[in-house]
Every structure is written in structure tokens, then in C-alpha cells.
C-alpha atoms as a PDB file:
ATOM      1  CA  MET A   1      21.778  25.652  -1.937  1.00  0.00           C
ATOM      2  CA  THR A   2      23.771  21.973  -1.212  1.00  0.00           C
ATOM      3  CA  SER A   3      21.985  19.292   0.560  1.00  0.00           C
ATOM      4  CA  ASP A   4      23.118  17.997   3.977  1.00  0.00           C
ATOM      5  CA  PHE A   5      22.910  14.753   3.529  1.00  0.00           C
ATOM      6  CA  GLU A   6      25.298  11.800   2.550  1.00  0.00           C
ATOM      7  CA  PRO A   7      24.877  10.355  -0.460  1.00  0.00           C
ATOM      8  CA  GLY A   8      20.902   8.448  -0.598  1.00  0.00           C
ATOM      9  CA  GLY A   9      22.001   4.863   1.050  1.00  0.00           C
ATOM     10  CA  ARG A  10      23.269   6.566   4.481  1.00  0.00           C
ATOM     11  CA  VAL A  11      19.667   8.581   4.673  1.00  0.00           C
ATOM     12  CA  SER A  12      17.304   6.964   6.685  1.00  0.00           C
ATOM     13  CA  ALA A  13      13.990   6.268   5.165  1.00  0.00           C
ATOM     14  CA  ASP A  14      12.366   8.661   8.140  1.00  0.00           C
ATOM     15  CA  ASP A  15      14.987  10.917   7.713  1.00  0.00           C
ATOM     16  CA  ALA A  16      13.880  11.608   4.083  1.00  0.00           C
ATOM     17  CA  LEU A  17       9.949  11.819   4.201  1.00  0.00           C
ATOM     18  CA  ALA A  18      10.619  14.219   7.365  1.00  0.00           C
ATOM     19  CA  ARG A  19      12.696  16.398   4.842  1.00  0.00           C
ATOM     20  CA  LEU A  20      10.336  15.976   1.876  1.00  0.00           C
ATOM     21  CA  MET A  21       7.267  17.053   3.505  1.00  0.00           C
ATOM     22  CA  ALA A  22       9.194  19.604   5.087  1.00  0.00           C
ATOM     23  CA  GLY A  23      10.304  21.204   1.459  1.00  0.00           C
ATOM     24  CA  ASN A  24       6.646  20.905   0.195  1.00  0.00           C
ATOM     25  CA  ALA A  25       5.370  23.016   3.564  1.00  0.00           C
ATOM     26  CA  ARG A  26       7.671  25.270   2.565  1.00  0.00           C
ATOM     27  CA  PHE A  27       6.770  25.222  -0.992  1.00  0.00           C
ATOM     28  CA  VAL A  28       2.748  25.532  -0.399  1.00  0.00           C
ATOM     29  CA  ARG A  29       3.656  28.675   2.130  1.00  0.00           C
ATOM     30  CA  GLY A  30       5.647  29.751  -0.739  1.00  0.00           C
ATOM     31  CA  GLU A  31       8.704  30.092   1.078  1.00  0.00           C
ATOM     32  CA  PRO A  32      11.092  27.671  -0.832  1.00  0.00           C
ATOM     33  CA  MET A  33      14.780  28.277  -0.600  1.00  0.00           C
ATOM     34  CA  ILE A  34      15.875  26.412  -3.210  1.00  0.00           C
ATOM     35  CA  SER A  35      16.883  28.785  -6.674  1.00  0.00           C
ATOM     36  CA  HIS A  36      18.740  27.723  -9.448  1.00  0.00           C
ATOM     37  CA  PRO A  37      22.542  26.296  -8.383  1.00  0.00           C
ATOM     38  CA  PRO A  38      25.423  28.127  -9.748  1.00  0.00           C
ATOM     39  CA  ARG A  39      27.209  25.917 -11.866  1.00  0.00           C
ATOM     40  CA  GLU A  40      29.453  24.082  -9.797  1.00  0.00           C
ATOM     41  CA  VAL A  41      27.461  22.939  -7.972  1.00  0.00           C
ATOM     42  CA  LEU A  42      25.925  21.286 -11.239  1.00  0.00           C
ATOM     43  CA  ALA A  43      29.897  20.393 -12.022  1.00  0.00           C
ATOM     44  CA  ASN A  44      29.893  18.682  -8.817  1.00  0.00           C
ATOM     45  CA  LEU A  45      27.169  16.429  -9.561  1.00  0.00           C
ATOM     46  CA  ALA A  46      29.077  15.471 -13.239  1.00  0.00           C
ATOM     47  CA  LYS A  47      30.943  13.463 -10.679  1.00  0.00           C
ATOM     48  CA  GLY A  48      27.670  11.726  -9.234  1.00  0.00           C
ATOM     49  CA  GLN A  49      24.288  11.361  -8.290  1.00  0.00           C
ATOM     50  CA  ARG A  50      23.234  11.606  -4.153  1.00  0.00           C
ATOM     51  CA  PRO A  51      19.431  11.811  -4.315  1.00  0.00           C
ATOM     52  CA  PHE A  52      18.129  10.963  -0.519  1.00  0.00           C
ATOM     53  CA  ALA A  53      14.746   9.384  -1.943  1.00  0.00           C
ATOM     54  CA  THR A  54      12.738   7.725  -4.846  1.00  0.00           C
ATOM     55  CA  ILE A  55       9.565   9.268  -5.899  1.00  0.00           C
ATOM     56  CA  LEU A  56       7.467   7.566  -8.780  1.00  0.00           C
ATOM     57  CA  GLY A  57       5.048  10.365  -9.900  1.00  0.00           C
ATOM     58  CA  CYS A  58       2.713  11.294 -12.985  1.00  0.00           C
ATOM     59  CA  SER A  59       4.342  12.518 -16.192  1.00  0.00           C
ATOM     60  CA  ASP A  60       1.180  15.574 -15.446  1.00  0.00           C
ATOM     61  CA  SER A  61       3.123  18.932 -16.297  1.00  0.00           C
ATOM     62  CA  ARG A  62       1.338  20.280 -13.266  1.00  0.00           C
ATOM     63  CA  VAL A  63       3.371  17.946 -10.920  1.00  0.00           C
ATOM     64  CA  PRO A  64       6.833  18.313 -11.154  1.00  0.00           C
ATOM     65  CA  PRO A  65       8.072  16.629  -7.294  1.00  0.00           C
ATOM     66  CA  GLU A  66      11.438  19.384  -7.719  1.00  0.00           C
ATOM     67  CA  LEU A  67       9.129  21.949  -7.184  1.00  0.00           C
ATOM     68  CA  LEU A  68       6.706  20.270  -5.366  1.00  0.00           C
ATOM     69  CA  PHE A  69       9.174  19.298  -2.639  1.00  0.00           C
ATOM     70  CA  ASP A  70      12.025  22.280  -2.391  1.00  0.00           C
ATOM     71  CA  ALA A  71      14.492  19.704  -3.450  1.00  0.00           C
ATOM     72  CA  ALA A  72      18.039  20.959  -5.342  1.00  0.00           C
ATOM     73  CA  PHE A  73      19.558  19.188  -8.129  1.00  0.00           C
ATOM     74  CA  GLY A  74      20.544  15.582  -7.107  1.00  0.00           C
ATOM     75  CA  GLU A  75      18.477  15.448  -4.376  1.00  0.00           C
ATOM     76  CA  LEU A  76      15.471  12.900  -5.856  1.00  0.00           C
ATOM     77  CA  PHE A  77      15.316  10.215  -7.814  1.00  0.00           C
ATOM     78  CA  ILE A  78      12.232  10.650  -9.907  1.00  0.00           C
ATOM     79  CA  ILE A  79      10.568   7.949 -12.317  1.00  0.00           C
ATOM     80  CA  ARG A  80       7.062   9.688 -14.254  1.00  0.00           C
ATOM     81  CA  VAL A  81       5.372   7.802 -16.687  1.00  0.00           C
ATOM     82  CA  ALA A  82       1.387   8.668 -16.880  1.00  0.00           C
ATOM     83  CA  GLY A  83      -0.693   7.697 -14.255  1.00  0.00           C
ATOM     84  CA  ASN A  84       2.535   6.939 -11.626  1.00  0.00           C
ATOM     85  CA  VAL A  85       2.395   3.216 -13.072  1.00  0.00           C
ATOM     86  CA  MET A  86       4.433   0.419 -12.404  1.00  0.00           C
ATOM     87  CA  SER A  87       6.063  -1.475 -15.824  1.00  0.00           C
ATOM     88  CA  PRO A  88       8.958  -3.428 -16.212  1.00  0.00           C
ATOM     89  CA  SER A  89      10.679  -0.531 -17.091  1.00  0.00           C
ATOM     90  CA  VAL A  90       9.704   1.436 -14.125  1.00  0.00           C
ATOM     91  CA  ALA A  91      11.203  -1.269 -11.506  1.00  0.00           C
ATOM     92  CA  GLY A  92      14.379  -1.426 -13.723  1.00  0.00           C
ATOM     93  CA  SER A  93      14.624   2.301 -12.400  1.00  0.00           C
ATOM     94  CA  ILE A  94      13.685   1.405  -8.675  1.00  0.00           C
ATOM     95  CA  GLN A  95      15.770  -1.442  -9.046  1.00  0.00           C
ATOM     96  CA  TYR A  96      18.824   0.898 -10.035  1.00  0.00           C
ATOM     97  CA  ALA A  97      17.838   3.605  -6.883  1.00  0.00           C
ATOM     98  CA  SER A  98      17.398   0.931  -4.620  1.00  0.00           C
ATOM     99  CA  THR A  99      21.097  -1.202  -5.933  1.00  0.00           C
ATOM    100  CA  HIS A 100      23.435   1.669  -7.417  1.00  0.00           C
ATOM    101  CA  LEU A 101      21.852   4.787  -5.260  1.00  0.00           C
ATOM    102  CA  GLY A 102      21.110   3.039  -1.990  1.00  0.00           C
ATOM    103  CA  THR A 103      18.120   5.193  -1.635  1.00  0.00           C
ATOM    104  CA  GLN A 104      15.637   3.649   1.374  1.00  0.00           C
ATOM    105  CA  LEU A 105      12.662   5.960   0.835  1.00  0.00           C
ATOM    106  CA  PHE A 106      10.570   4.823  -1.736  1.00  0.00           C
ATOM    107  CA  MET A 107       7.427   7.442  -2.802  1.00  0.00           C
ATOM    108  CA  VAL A 108       4.307   6.643  -4.897  1.00  0.00           C
ATOM    109  CA  LEU A 109       3.416  10.371  -6.042  1.00  0.00           C
ATOM    110  CA  GLY A 110      -0.389  10.547  -7.279  1.00  0.00           C
ATOM    111  CA  HIS A 111      -2.502  13.507  -7.581  1.00  0.00           C
ATOM    112  CA  GLU A 112      -6.089  14.632  -7.799  1.00  0.00           C
ATOM    113  CA  GLY A 113      -8.077  15.068 -11.404  1.00  0.00           C
ATOM    114  CA  CYS A 114      -5.206  12.679 -12.602  1.00  0.00           C
ATOM    115  CA  GLY A 115      -6.479  12.113 -16.477  1.00  0.00           C
ATOM    116  CA  ALA A 116      -5.146   8.533 -16.689  1.00  0.00           C
ATOM    117  CA  VAL A 117      -7.109   7.546 -13.791  1.00  0.00           C
ATOM    118  CA  GLU A 118      -9.832   9.487 -15.384  1.00  0.00           C
ATOM    119  CA  ALA A 119      -9.467   7.386 -18.723  1.00  0.00           C
ATOM    120  CA  ALA A 120      -9.393   4.244 -16.458  1.00  0.00           C
ATOM    121  CA  LEU A 121     -12.520   4.941 -14.903  1.00  0.00           C
ATOM    122  CA  ALA A 122     -14.348   5.608 -18.255  1.00  0.00           C
ATOM    123  CA  ALA A 123     -12.368   2.036 -19.309  1.00  0.00           C
ATOM    124  CA  LYS A 124     -13.554   0.409 -16.190  1.00  0.00           C
ATOM    125  CA  PHE A 125     -17.289   1.393 -16.136  1.00  0.00           C
ATOM    126  CA  GLU A 126     -18.003   2.926 -19.435  1.00  0.00           C
ATOM    127  CA  GLY A 127     -16.236   0.769 -21.899  1.00  0.00           C
ATOM    128  CA  LYS A 128     -14.339   3.415 -23.544  1.00  0.00           C
ATOM    129  CA  GLN A 129     -11.221   2.837 -25.836  1.00  0.00           C
ATOM    130  CA  GLN A 130      -8.284   4.494 -26.159  1.00  0.00           C
ATOM    131  CA  ARG A 131      -5.556   4.248 -28.712  1.00  0.00           C
ATOM    132  CA  SER A 132      -3.714   1.311 -28.598  1.00  0.00           C
ATOM    133  CA  ARG A 133      -0.757   2.118 -26.703  1.00  0.00           C
ATOM    134  CA  ILE A 134      -3.214   4.128 -24.373  1.00  0.00           C
ATOM    135  CA  GLN A 135      -4.977   1.427 -23.692  1.00  0.00           C
ATOM    136  CA  THR A 136      -2.050  -0.799 -22.787  1.00  0.00           C
ATOM    137  CA  LEU A 137      -1.055   2.043 -19.848  1.00  0.00           C
ATOM    138  CA  LEU A 138      -4.759   1.696 -18.760  1.00  0.00           C
ATOM    139  CA  GLN A 139      -4.630  -1.690 -18.465  1.00  0.00           C
ATOM    140  CA  ASP A 140      -1.669  -1.210 -15.616  1.00  0.00           C
ATOM    141  CA  ILE A 141      -4.186   1.408 -13.839  1.00  0.00           C
ATOM    142  CA  ILE A 142      -6.980  -0.997 -13.891  1.00  0.00           C
ATOM    143  CA  PRO A 143      -6.855  -3.884 -11.500  1.00  0.00           C
ATOM    144  CA  GLY A 144      -5.927  -1.417  -9.150  1.00  0.00           C
ATOM    145  CA  LEU A 145      -9.399   0.116  -9.201  1.00  0.00           C
ATOM    146  CA  GLU A 146     -11.301  -3.469  -8.257  1.00  0.00           C
ATOM    147  CA  GLY A 147     -13.922  -2.966  -5.753  1.00  0.00           C
ATOM    148  CA  LEU A 148     -14.344   0.699  -6.182  1.00  0.00           C
ATOM    149  CA  ASP A 149     -18.133   1.263  -5.922  1.00  0.00           C
ATOM    150  CA  PRO A 150     -19.393   2.945  -9.481  1.00  0.00           C
ATOM    151  CA  GLN A 151     -22.333   4.483  -7.694  1.00  0.00           C
ATOM    152  CA  LEU A 152     -20.487   6.839  -6.062  1.00  0.00           C
ATOM    153  CA  ALA A 153     -20.769  10.702  -6.784  1.00  0.00           C
ATOM    154  CA  PRO A 154     -18.138  10.834  -9.957  1.00  0.00           C
ATOM    155  CA  ALA A 155     -15.473  13.709  -7.823  1.00  0.00           C
ATOM    156  CA  LEU A 156     -15.542  11.174  -4.863  1.00  0.00           C
ATOM    157  CA  ARG A 157     -14.960   8.336  -7.151  1.00  0.00           C
ATOM    158  CA  MET A 158     -12.478  10.162  -8.814  1.00  0.00           C
ATOM    159  CA  SER A 159     -10.694  10.706  -5.325  1.00  0.00           C
ATOM    160  CA  CYS A 160     -11.004   7.120  -4.495  1.00  0.00           C
ATOM    161  CA  ALA A 161      -9.740   5.776  -7.794  1.00  0.00           C
ATOM    162  CA  VAL A 162      -6.290   8.402  -7.126  1.00  0.00           C
ATOM    163  CA  GLU A 163      -5.921   6.738  -4.104  1.00  0.00           C
ATOM    164  CA  ALA A 164      -6.381   3.273  -4.930  1.00  0.00           C
ATOM    165  CA  ASN A 165      -4.366   4.078  -7.851  1.00  0.00           C
ATOM    166  CA  VAL A 166      -1.533   4.996  -5.577  1.00  0.00           C
ATOM    167  CA  ARG A 167      -2.055   1.899  -3.044  1.00  0.00           C
ATOM    168  CA  TRP A 168      -1.500  -0.558  -6.439  1.00  0.00           C
ATOM    169  CA  SER A 169       1.309   0.641  -7.438  1.00  0.00           C
ATOM    170  CA  MET A 170       2.877   0.842  -3.638  1.00  0.00           C
ATOM    171  CA  ARG A 171       1.474  -2.583  -3.962  1.00  0.00           C
ATOM    172  CA  GLN A 172       3.180  -3.724  -6.472  1.00  0.00           C
ATOM    173  CA  VAL A 173       7.018  -2.262  -5.340  1.00  0.00           C
ATOM    174  CA  ILE A 174       6.351  -4.257  -1.947  1.00  0.00           C
ATOM    175  CA  GLU A 175       5.533  -7.889  -2.935  1.00  0.00           C
ATOM    176  CA  SER A 176       8.141  -7.767  -5.479  1.00  0.00           C
ATOM    177  CA  PRO A 177      10.862 -10.188  -4.803  1.00  0.00           C
ATOM    178  CA  GLU A 178      13.396  -6.897  -4.554  1.00  0.00           C
ATOM    179  CA  GLY A 179      10.866  -5.300  -2.625  1.00  0.00           C
ATOM    180  CA  ARG A 180      10.342  -7.888   0.330  1.00  0.00           C
ATOM    181  CA  ALA A 181      13.735  -8.800   0.858  1.00  0.00           C
ATOM    182  CA  ARG A 182      14.967  -5.282   1.331  1.00  0.00           C
ATOM    183  CA  MET A 183      11.869  -4.740   3.641  1.00  0.00           C
ATOM    184  CA  ALA A 184      12.273  -7.243   5.669  1.00  0.00           C
ATOM    185  CA  GLU A 185      16.583  -6.580   5.970  1.00  0.00           C
ATOM    186  CA  GLY A 186      14.845  -2.783   7.002  1.00  0.00           C
ATOM    187  CA  ARG A 187      16.245  -0.767   4.430  1.00  0.00           C
ATOM    188  CA  LEU A 188      12.973   0.070   2.264  1.00  0.00           C
ATOM    189  CA  LYS A 189      10.291   2.379   3.437  1.00  0.00           C
ATOM    190  CA  VAL A 190       7.570   2.578   0.713  1.00  0.00           C
ATOM    191  CA  VAL A 191       4.916   5.245   0.912  1.00  0.00           C
ATOM    192  CA  GLY A 192       2.179   6.498  -0.630  1.00  0.00           C
ATOM    193  CA  ALA A 193       0.890  10.495  -1.300  1.00  0.00           C
ATOM    194  CA  VAL A 194      -1.479  12.689  -3.239  1.00  0.00           C
ATOM    195  CA  CYS A 195      -1.269  16.322  -3.978  1.00  0.00           C
ATOM    196  CA  ASP A 196      -3.814  18.641  -4.300  1.00  0.00           C
ATOM    197  CA  ILE A 197      -2.799  20.493  -8.206  1.00  0.00           C
ATOM    198  CA  THR A 198      -4.871  23.339  -7.388  1.00  0.00           C
ATOM    199  CA  SER A 199      -2.369  24.083  -4.095  1.00  0.00           C
ATOM    200  CA  GLY A 200       0.330  21.642  -4.276  1.00  0.00           C
ATOM    201  CA  GLN A 201       0.127  19.979  -0.917  1.00  0.00           C
ATOM    202  CA  VAL A 202       1.392  16.767  -0.875  1.00  0.00           C
ATOM    203  CA  ARG A 203      -1.046  14.616   1.723  1.00  0.00           C
ATOM    204  CA  LEU A 204       0.791  11.298   3.002  1.00  0.00           C
ATOM    205  CA  LEU A 205      -2.196   7.908   3.023  1.00  0.00           C
ATOM    206  CA  ALA A 206      -2.601   6.489   6.150  1.00  0.00           C
END
């Protein structure tokens, strides 16, 4: 299947979001439209990519965005890092997508049962320490957990923490100089979502 969309800069954020959620609905129903592309499709993409959305997702092997959204080669610009956290290198990738690919929709995609978020909760509330580089990663998550009630039942606290982490990454994108500028121009829409790893269903955060 080839994309019906023009290069990313010509796809509105609302249209891109609708396409993502329609693809996820197909995936959940077990009716994906995307199959392995013929070599000719890849050869055409070698001339240039035309993603219609940018997604910052978790590295977890159970939540590949291309499958969750039933997307073809070249349709999504995906940045994956444990805990879907922001960092200078992630910010640089986002800036590339914005400046050179023109994607207007940016999604932060978290997932239930995220190990990085779980470790951040243990570090924040129980003082547990990880190896140095993992601990550095957790420090990018912990600020977003501010205000989380430690008395919540473990399952509810975890679910709330996953959402809070998604919102924290969204906030960092929105409050960046480029994010503010593009949103003021109406050329950027930032949305948050969480995937249920049991069903693969993606729900948008209000």
C-alpha cells in the first residue's frame, strides 16, 4: 500500500491524527491493510521520505508504532527511547522532523506497564538506584511525576505515572522556543496517547 498523502508539510495535523487512529482501529480489529512493501516502494522512498506524523515512543519491543498504527514504510517519523523521554538528541530529531520534513502532528506515545516509568517511581518513592546511565534516564522522568500521590494503589499509581510522563514530554515540546513559534503559527499540534499493551489499543489523552 502506498500513501495517499503529499509530503508531510502538506498534511494537516487533524488529518494526520485521524489517519493514525483509523490505523490503530484496524490493528485492534485484526484487519491491518499494510503488508510487506514490494522493493519498488522502497526504491521510491530512497529518493526521499514523506512522513505525515512524528511520534516519540518508548523503546519497548511490544509497542512498535508502525504496527500499532498500521502504517507503511515512509509514513511515520519515529523517535524511540526508553520512557519516551525528552533529551537534547531527541529534541534535535524533533527539530529535524519539523524543519526538514514539515510534519505538523507530533505525538508522545506512552504505554501501560512502562518499565522506565516503574523504575522512576521506585527511585522517587523508595530511593532505589539503578546503574549510572539508567539513573540518568530516570532523572528525565522524575520531574514529571511531581504531585503524584504516593498513597494511590500501585496499579492506579502506575497508570497515573505513565500519563504524567507523557504529559511531561509534551510540555517540554510545547514550551521549547520552536514549539511555541510553530504553535503560534498554527503549524504544530502536540498530542499525548497511551497504548494498552494487552490489546494494542491507543487512547488519546484529553
